[in-house]
N, C-alpha and C. Protein backbone atom coordinates (compact mmCIF):
# COMPACT_ATOMS: atom_id res chain seq x y z
N UNK A 1 41.60 51.23 -7.10
CA UNK A 1 40.25 50.86 -6.70
C UNK A 1 40.27 49.49 -6.02
N UNK A 2 39.50 49.39 -4.99
CA UNK A 2 39.41 48.11 -4.30
C UNK A 2 38.43 47.16 -4.97
N UNK A 3 38.65 45.90 -4.73
CA UNK A 3 37.73 44.90 -5.29
C UNK A 3 36.48 44.80 -4.42
N UNK A 4 35.38 44.49 -5.08
CA UNK A 4 34.12 44.30 -4.34
C UNK A 4 34.17 42.95 -3.62
N UNK A 5 33.53 42.93 -2.48
CA UNK A 5 33.47 41.68 -1.72
C UNK A 5 32.61 40.67 -2.46
N UNK A 6 33.12 39.46 -2.60
CA UNK A 6 32.37 38.39 -3.24
C UNK A 6 31.54 37.68 -2.17
N UNK A 7 30.22 37.76 -2.24
CA UNK A 7 29.40 37.16 -1.18
C UNK A 7 29.41 35.64 -1.22
N UNK A 8 30.00 35.04 -2.22
CA UNK A 8 30.03 33.58 -2.30
C UNK A 8 28.86 33.05 -3.11
N UNK A 9 28.73 31.79 -3.10
CA UNK A 9 27.68 31.14 -3.87
C UNK A 9 26.41 31.10 -3.04
N UNK A 10 25.40 31.83 -3.45
CA UNK A 10 24.15 31.88 -2.70
C UNK A 10 23.05 31.06 -3.37
N UNK A 11 23.43 30.12 -4.21
CA UNK A 11 22.40 29.30 -4.86
C UNK A 11 21.85 28.28 -3.87
N UNK A 12 20.66 27.83 -4.14
CA UNK A 12 20.02 26.87 -3.26
C UNK A 12 20.67 25.50 -3.44
N UNK A 13 20.74 24.72 -2.37
CA UNK A 13 21.33 23.38 -2.51
C UNK A 13 20.42 22.48 -3.36
N UNK A 14 21.05 21.51 -4.03
CA UNK A 14 20.29 20.59 -4.85
C UNK A 14 19.41 19.71 -3.99
N UNK A 15 18.29 19.31 -4.53
CA UNK A 15 17.37 18.42 -3.84
C UNK A 15 17.53 17.04 -4.46
N UNK A 16 17.75 16.04 -3.61
CA UNK A 16 17.89 14.67 -4.08
C UNK A 16 16.55 13.96 -3.94
N UNK A 17 16.28 13.08 -4.88
CA UNK A 17 15.06 12.29 -4.85
C UNK A 17 15.43 10.87 -4.49
N UNK A 18 14.77 10.33 -3.47
CA UNK A 18 15.03 8.97 -3.04
C UNK A 18 14.28 8.00 -3.95
N UNK A 19 15.03 7.09 -4.57
CA UNK A 19 14.43 6.14 -5.50
C UNK A 19 13.50 5.17 -4.77
N UNK A 20 13.88 4.73 -3.57
CA UNK A 20 13.05 3.81 -2.81
C UNK A 20 11.70 4.44 -2.48
N UNK A 21 11.71 5.68 -2.03
CA UNK A 21 10.46 6.35 -1.69
C UNK A 21 9.62 6.63 -2.94
N UNK A 22 10.29 6.91 -4.05
CA UNK A 22 9.58 7.11 -5.30
C UNK A 22 8.88 5.83 -5.74
N UNK A 23 9.54 4.69 -5.57
CA UNK A 23 8.92 3.41 -5.89
C UNK A 23 7.76 3.09 -4.96
N UNK A 24 7.87 3.48 -3.69
CA UNK A 24 6.75 3.30 -2.76
C UNK A 24 5.54 4.11 -3.20
N UNK A 25 5.77 5.34 -3.64
CA UNK A 25 4.67 6.19 -4.11
C UNK A 25 4.01 5.57 -5.34
N UNK A 26 4.82 5.12 -6.28
CA UNK A 26 4.27 4.53 -7.50
C UNK A 26 3.50 3.24 -7.22
N UNK A 27 4.03 2.40 -6.32
CA UNK A 27 3.35 1.15 -5.97
C UNK A 27 2.03 1.43 -5.27
N UNK A 28 2.03 2.38 -4.33
CA UNK A 28 0.79 2.73 -3.63
C UNK A 28 -0.25 3.30 -4.56
N UNK A 29 0.18 4.15 -5.48
CA UNK A 29 -0.78 4.73 -6.43
C UNK A 29 -1.33 3.67 -7.37
N UNK A 30 -0.50 2.72 -7.79
CA UNK A 30 -0.98 1.64 -8.64
C UNK A 30 -2.00 0.76 -7.92
N UNK A 31 -1.73 0.44 -6.66
CA UNK A 31 -2.69 -0.37 -5.91
C UNK A 31 -4.03 0.33 -5.79
N UNK A 32 -3.99 1.62 -5.53
CA UNK A 32 -5.24 2.37 -5.39
C UNK A 32 -5.98 2.44 -6.72
N UNK A 33 -5.27 2.74 -7.80
CA UNK A 33 -5.92 2.87 -9.11
C UNK A 33 -6.47 1.55 -9.62
N UNK A 34 -5.76 0.47 -9.36
CA UNK A 34 -6.20 -0.81 -9.89
C UNK A 34 -7.29 -1.48 -9.06
N UNK A 35 -7.18 -1.43 -7.75
CA UNK A 35 -8.03 -2.25 -6.90
C UNK A 35 -9.02 -1.49 -6.03
N UNK A 36 -9.24 -0.22 -6.27
CA UNK A 36 -10.20 0.53 -5.46
C UNK A 36 -11.59 -0.07 -5.65
N UNK A 37 -12.32 -0.28 -4.56
CA UNK A 37 -13.65 -0.88 -4.67
C UNK A 37 -14.59 -0.01 -5.50
N UNK A 38 -15.25 -0.60 -6.46
CA UNK A 38 -16.25 -0.01 -7.35
C UNK A 38 -15.71 1.00 -8.35
N UNK A 39 -14.47 1.50 -8.18
CA UNK A 39 -13.94 2.52 -9.09
C UNK A 39 -12.61 2.11 -9.72
N UNK A 40 -11.98 1.06 -9.24
CA UNK A 40 -10.68 0.65 -9.74
C UNK A 40 -10.75 0.11 -11.16
N UNK A 41 -9.65 0.15 -11.84
CA UNK A 41 -9.60 -0.29 -13.23
C UNK A 41 -9.87 -1.79 -13.33
N UNK A 42 -9.25 -2.58 -12.45
CA UNK A 42 -9.50 -4.02 -12.49
C UNK A 42 -10.91 -4.37 -12.04
N UNK A 43 -11.46 -3.59 -11.14
CA UNK A 43 -12.84 -3.84 -10.70
C UNK A 43 -13.84 -3.50 -11.79
N UNK A 44 -13.50 -2.60 -12.69
CA UNK A 44 -14.42 -2.29 -13.78
C UNK A 44 -14.37 -3.36 -14.87
N UNK A 45 -13.24 -4.05 -14.99
CA UNK A 45 -13.11 -5.11 -15.99
C UNK A 45 -13.74 -6.41 -15.49
N UNK A 46 -13.39 -6.81 -14.29
CA UNK A 46 -13.93 -8.03 -13.70
C UNK A 46 -14.17 -7.79 -12.22
N UNK A 47 -15.04 -8.58 -11.64
CA UNK A 47 -15.38 -8.39 -10.23
C UNK A 47 -14.27 -8.94 -9.35
N UNK A 48 -13.78 -8.11 -8.45
CA UNK A 48 -12.81 -8.53 -7.43
C UNK A 48 -13.50 -8.37 -6.09
N UNK A 49 -13.54 -9.42 -5.29
CA UNK A 49 -14.27 -9.35 -4.01
C UNK A 49 -13.70 -8.28 -3.07
N UNK A 50 -14.56 -7.81 -2.19
CA UNK A 50 -14.15 -6.79 -1.22
C UNK A 50 -13.09 -7.31 -0.26
N UNK A 51 -12.98 -8.61 -0.14
CA UNK A 51 -11.97 -9.21 0.72
C UNK A 51 -10.56 -8.82 0.26
N UNK A 52 -10.39 -8.59 -1.04
CA UNK A 52 -9.09 -8.21 -1.58
C UNK A 52 -8.98 -6.72 -1.88
N UNK A 53 -10.07 -6.10 -2.24
CA UNK A 53 -9.97 -4.71 -2.69
C UNK A 53 -9.79 -3.72 -1.53
N UNK A 54 -10.49 -3.90 -0.41
CA UNK A 54 -10.33 -2.96 0.70
C UNK A 54 -8.95 -3.02 1.34
N UNK A 55 -8.40 -4.21 1.63
CA UNK A 55 -7.02 -4.22 2.15
C UNK A 55 -5.99 -3.66 1.17
N UNK A 56 -6.21 -3.88 -0.13
CA UNK A 56 -5.30 -3.31 -1.12
C UNK A 56 -5.40 -1.79 -1.14
N UNK A 57 -6.60 -1.26 -0.97
CA UNK A 57 -6.78 0.19 -0.91
C UNK A 57 -6.09 0.78 0.32
N UNK A 58 -6.22 0.13 1.44
CA UNK A 58 -5.58 0.60 2.67
C UNK A 58 -4.06 0.50 2.56
N UNK A 59 -3.57 -0.62 2.03
CA UNK A 59 -2.12 -0.79 1.87
C UNK A 59 -1.57 0.23 0.88
N UNK A 60 -2.31 0.52 -0.18
CA UNK A 60 -1.88 1.53 -1.14
C UNK A 60 -1.80 2.91 -0.52
N UNK A 61 -2.77 3.24 0.31
CA UNK A 61 -2.74 4.53 1.00
C UNK A 61 -1.57 4.65 1.96
N UNK A 62 -1.29 3.55 2.68
CA UNK A 62 -0.15 3.57 3.61
C UNK A 62 1.16 3.71 2.85
N UNK A 63 1.31 2.96 1.74
CA UNK A 63 2.52 3.08 0.94
C UNK A 63 2.68 4.47 0.35
N UNK A 64 1.57 5.06 -0.05
CA UNK A 64 1.61 6.42 -0.61
C UNK A 64 2.06 7.43 0.44
N UNK A 65 1.54 7.32 1.63
CA UNK A 65 1.91 8.25 2.71
C UNK A 65 3.37 8.06 3.11
N UNK A 66 3.80 6.80 3.28
CA UNK A 66 5.19 6.54 3.66
C UNK A 66 6.16 6.99 2.58
N UNK A 67 5.78 6.83 1.33
CA UNK A 67 6.65 7.25 0.24
C UNK A 67 6.75 8.75 0.13
N UNK A 68 5.65 9.46 0.33
CA UNK A 68 5.67 10.92 0.21
C UNK A 68 6.43 11.59 1.35
N UNK A 69 6.54 10.90 2.49
CA UNK A 69 7.25 11.49 3.63
C UNK A 69 8.73 11.68 3.35
N UNK A 70 9.34 10.82 2.53
CA UNK A 70 10.77 10.91 2.36
C UNK A 70 11.24 10.98 0.93
N UNK A 71 10.43 11.47 0.02
CA UNK A 71 10.82 11.52 -1.38
C UNK A 71 11.96 12.51 -1.59
N UNK A 72 11.87 13.69 -1.04
CA UNK A 72 12.87 14.74 -1.27
C UNK A 72 13.81 14.85 -0.09
N UNK A 73 15.11 14.93 -0.40
CA UNK A 73 16.13 15.11 0.63
C UNK A 73 17.01 16.28 0.22
N UNK A 74 17.33 17.15 1.14
CA UNK A 74 18.25 18.24 0.85
C UNK A 74 19.68 17.72 0.97
N UNK A 75 20.52 18.14 0.03
CA UNK A 75 21.92 17.68 0.10
C UNK A 75 22.80 18.73 0.73
């Protein structure tokens, strides 16, 4: 009897997570949660002027988007 053909390893390649992009996502999410105008955690404890809260919200959103773009890498 002949041997069956071995099709090889058909498993999916591992996905690597970029630590730098993961830190960007966490930093952006923290900025948004802490300093969002009228809803942020720090704004509910004490008043933070809009001069600081709106740029922090925008910077947090940008960091979140940049981090999510490159979190997963195929190896």
